Protein backbone atom coordinates (compact mmCIF):
# COMPACT_ATOMS: atom_id res chain seq x y z
CA MET A 1 17.30 56.37 -9.18
CA SER A 2 13.88 56.74 -7.58
CA HIS A 3 13.43 56.23 -3.88
CA VAL A 4 10.42 54.37 -2.51
CA SER A 5 9.01 56.02 0.54
CA LEU A 6 6.94 54.15 3.07
CA PRO A 7 3.59 55.58 4.11
CA ALA A 8 3.75 57.89 7.07
CA SER A 9 2.76 56.38 10.36
CA ARG A 10 2.27 58.01 13.70
CA TYR A 11 4.41 55.19 15.09
CA GLY A 12 7.31 55.81 12.69
CA THR A 13 8.96 54.00 9.74
CA ASP A 14 10.07 50.98 11.80
CA PHE A 15 6.48 50.23 12.70
CA ALA A 16 5.42 50.43 9.02
CA VAL A 17 8.24 48.04 7.98
CA ASN A 18 7.26 45.65 10.75
CA CYS A 19 3.62 45.64 9.54
CA ILE A 20 4.67 44.89 5.96
CA MET A 21 6.88 42.01 7.10
CA LYS A 22 4.06 40.54 9.19
CA LYS A 23 1.66 40.73 6.23
CA ALA A 24 4.20 39.00 3.97
CA LEU A 25 4.64 36.25 6.57
CA CYS A 26 0.87 35.79 6.78
CA VAL A 27 0.63 35.43 2.99
CA PHE A 28 3.35 32.76 3.02
CA THR A 29 1.77 30.89 5.93
CA LEU A 30 -1.76 30.94 4.53
CA PHE A 31 -1.06 30.29 0.86
CA LEU A 32 2.46 29.16 0.01
CA PHE A 33 3.23 26.83 2.92
CA PRO A 34 0.22 24.54 2.25
CA LEU A 35 1.27 24.37 -1.41
CA ALA A 36 4.79 23.36 -0.34
CA MET A 37 3.31 20.61 1.83
CA ILE A 38 1.22 19.32 -1.09
CA ALA A 39 4.32 19.20 -3.26
CA GLN A 40 5.90 16.74 -0.82
CA ASP A 41 3.39 14.01 -1.71
CA GLY A 42 4.99 11.07 -3.47
CA PHE A 43 3.53 8.47 -5.78
CA VAL A 44 3.50 4.82 -6.78
CA ARG A 45 2.24 4.07 -10.30
CA GLU A 46 2.48 1.51 -13.06
CA ARG A 47 5.34 2.40 -15.39
CA TYR A 48 3.46 0.94 -18.37
CA SER A 49 -0.29 0.64 -18.75
CA ASN A 50 -1.70 -2.76 -17.69
CA ASP A 51 1.73 -4.01 -16.59
CA VAL A 52 1.91 -4.79 -12.87
CA SER A 53 5.51 -5.99 -13.05
CA GLU A 54 7.14 -2.54 -13.07
CA TRP A 55 6.30 0.52 -11.00
CA SER A 56 7.67 4.06 -10.83
CA VAL A 57 7.95 5.33 -7.26
CA ASP A 58 8.77 8.60 -5.53
CA VAL A 59 8.74 8.03 -1.78
CA GLY A 60 11.65 9.59 0.06
CA GLY A 61 13.49 9.50 -3.29
CA SER A 62 12.64 8.55 -6.85
CA GLY A 63 13.16 5.10 -8.29
CA GLU A 64 11.37 1.93 -9.26
CA ILE A 65 10.13 -1.43 -8.01
CA ARG A 66 10.01 -4.24 -10.58
CA THR A 67 9.85 -8.01 -10.66
CA ARG A 68 13.29 -9.63 -10.89
CA TYR A 69 12.03 -12.41 -13.16
CA ASN A 70 9.21 -12.45 -15.74
CA ASN A 71 5.79 -13.20 -14.25
CA ASP A 72 7.34 -13.99 -10.86
CA TYR A 73 5.75 -11.85 -8.15
CA THR A 74 7.72 -13.45 -5.30
CA GLU A 75 10.85 -11.28 -5.68
CA TRP A 76 11.21 -7.62 -6.59
CA ALA A 77 14.17 -5.34 -7.32
CA VAL A 78 14.05 -1.93 -5.65
CA SER A 79 15.88 1.31 -6.38
CA LEU A 80 15.06 4.31 -4.23
CA GLY A 81 17.22 7.40 -4.47
CA SER A 82 20.82 6.24 -4.06
CA ASN A 83 19.78 2.94 -2.45
CA SER A 84 18.99 -0.39 -4.09
CA GLY A 85 17.85 -3.75 -2.82
CA THR A 86 15.20 -6.45 -3.01
CA ILE A 87 11.81 -7.40 -1.63
CA ARG A 88 11.17 -11.14 -1.47
CA GLU A 89 8.91 -13.70 0.17
CA ARG A 90 10.49 -15.07 3.34
CA PHE A 91 9.05 -18.51 2.61
CA SER A 92 8.30 -19.90 -0.84
CA ASN A 93 4.70 -19.39 -2.00
CA ASP A 94 3.78 -17.53 1.19
CA ARG A 95 2.68 -13.92 0.64
CA SER A 96 2.13 -13.25 4.35
CA GLU A 97 5.77 -12.32 5.11
CA TRP A 98 8.37 -10.41 3.10
CA ILE A 99 12.04 -9.52 3.58
CA ILE A 100 13.05 -5.99 2.55
CA ASP A 101 16.77 -5.49 1.93
CA ILE A 102 17.54 -1.84 1.12
CA GLY A 103 21.02 -0.35 1.31
CA ASP A 104 22.66 -2.10 4.26
CA GLU A 105 19.43 -2.58 6.22
CA THR A 106 17.05 -5.55 6.44
CA TYR A 107 13.39 -5.29 7.43
CA ASP A 108 10.60 -7.77 7.98
CA LEU A 109 7.10 -7.00 6.65
CA ARG A 110 4.44 -9.48 7.75
CA MET A 111 0.72 -9.81 8.26
CA ARG A 112 -0.23 -9.17 11.88
CA TYR A 113 -2.83 -11.94 11.75
CA SER A 114 -2.77 -15.08 9.63
CA ASN A 115 -4.55 -14.71 6.28
CA ASP A 116 -5.53 -11.10 7.07
CA ASN A 117 -4.32 -8.70 4.38
CA SER A 118 -5.69 -5.62 6.17
CA GLU A 119 -2.95 -5.15 8.79
CA TRP A 120 0.83 -5.51 8.57
CA ILE A 121 3.83 -5.12 10.88
CA LEU A 122 7.15 -3.65 9.76
CA SER A 123 10.17 -4.32 11.99
CA GLY A 124 13.96 -4.58 11.89
CA GLY A 125 16.51 -2.30 10.28
CA ASN A 126 17.13 0.73 12.46
CA LEU A 127 13.50 1.14 13.54
CA PRO A 128 13.08 1.78 17.29
CA GLY A 129 10.15 -0.67 17.36
CA GLU A 130 7.34 -2.11 15.28
CA VAL A 131 5.40 -0.04 12.77
CA ASP A 132 1.74 -0.92 12.22
CA ILE A 133 0.43 -0.51 8.65
CA HIS A 134 -3.29 -0.99 8.20
CA GLU A 135 -6.29 -0.15 6.06
CA ARG A 136 -7.69 3.21 7.14
CA TYR A 137 -11.23 1.87 6.71
CA SER A 138 -12.28 -1.73 7.15
CA ASN A 139 -12.48 -3.72 3.91
CA ASP A 140 -11.07 -0.83 1.85
CA ALA A 141 -7.69 -1.72 0.32
CA GLY A 142 -7.53 1.66 -1.42
CA GLU A 143 -6.30 3.61 1.62
CA TRP A 144 -3.61 2.73 4.17
CA THR A 145 -1.97 4.46 7.10
CA MET A 146 0.95 3.85 9.49
CA SER A 147 1.04 4.10 13.27
CA GLY A 148 3.35 3.15 16.10
CA ASN A 149 7.05 3.94 15.64
CA ALA A 150 6.49 5.77 12.37
CA PRO A 151 5.91 9.26 11.01
CA ALA A 152 2.42 10.09 9.72
CA VAL A 153 2.55 8.17 6.42
CA ASP A 154 -0.55 7.55 4.32
CA MET A 155 -1.10 5.78 1.01
CA HIS A 156 -4.30 6.13 -1.03
CA LEU A 157 -5.57 5.69 -4.57
CA ARG A 158 -5.19 8.81 -6.69
CA TYR A 159 -8.46 7.99 -8.44
CA SER A 160 -11.34 6.00 -6.99
CA ASN A 161 -11.15 2.26 -7.77
CA ASP A 162 -8.02 2.75 -9.93
CA TYR A 163 -5.25 0.65 -8.40
CA THR A 164 -2.66 1.69 -11.00
CA GLU A 165 -1.70 4.96 -9.30
CA TRP A 166 -1.29 5.86 -5.64
CA VAL A 167 -0.46 8.98 -3.63
CA VAL A 168 1.98 8.57 -0.73
CA SER A 169 2.22 11.36 1.83
CA GLY A 170 4.63 11.69 4.72
CA CYS A 171 7.66 9.96 3.18
CA ALA A 172 9.90 12.98 2.70
CA GLU A 173 13.60 12.71 1.94
CA GLY A 174 15.36 11.48 5.07
CA THR A 175 12.46 9.28 6.23
CA ASN A 176 13.51 5.78 7.30
CA ARG A 177 14.25 3.69 4.19
CA GLY A 178 12.30 0.66 5.40
CA ILE A 179 9.21 2.79 5.99
CA CYS A 180 9.48 4.32 2.51
CA VAL A 181 9.92 0.95 0.78
CA ALA A 182 6.98 -0.53 2.71
CA ALA A 183 4.90 2.55 1.82
CA ALA A 184 5.69 1.88 -1.84
CA PHE A 185 5.34 -1.91 -1.79
CA LEU A 186 2.03 -2.31 0.05
CA PRO A 187 0.13 -0.34 -2.62
CA ILE A 188 1.69 -2.66 -5.22
CA TYR A 189 0.67 -5.68 -3.14
CA ALA A 190 -2.87 -4.29 -2.84
CA SER A 191 -2.97 -3.71 -6.59
CA LEU A 192 -1.89 -7.29 -7.24
CA TYR A 193 -3.85 -9.27 -4.70
CA LEU A 194 -6.63 -7.13 -3.21
CA SER A 195 -8.17 -5.81 -6.41
CA PRO A 196 -8.98 -7.58 -9.71
CA PRO A 197 -7.33 -8.68 -11.86
CA LYS A 198 -4.91 -10.75 -9.78
CA PRO A 199 -1.93 -12.69 -11.13
CA GLN A 200 -2.32 -16.47 -11.08
């Protein structure tokens, strides 16, 4: 069996081993760690082409969001990892406020200002306070971000002007369930009501 010898160093073998370990750590930090962070991005996308009633999601767990009844966009069934629940309008024919039931937690998702789709408030469940969800840029429904009592979560179109597929970053496994469901549902809402075509 051959023996690998380390290059001689005036500081000794321990110093040479230490240098090799530091170089390996630098390679991981510079190249592999950013790739691992990219891999944590989730998605929201139409399960079937030109069908807004059913979406595949991977935000803090894989699953789906789909309408509970044909052509009825007022109530949705949610499965996310090992949790299931519903998203529904709080008041009939009022898209400004939604109730999210996921697992054993209930959240409220509502427009901050009346008839303003650009900013929402998420509250309830086990959140320590309100979470603000808003368009990153004014009058651009293709990119959203969270602030307040929330981790750094962002949602944006994967492809410019294509509302059928979204990238969600910051919703890793273990992130609050209400935050993850809201991060998946608001892109669906934007696809339905803030970009053509819109359901009647």
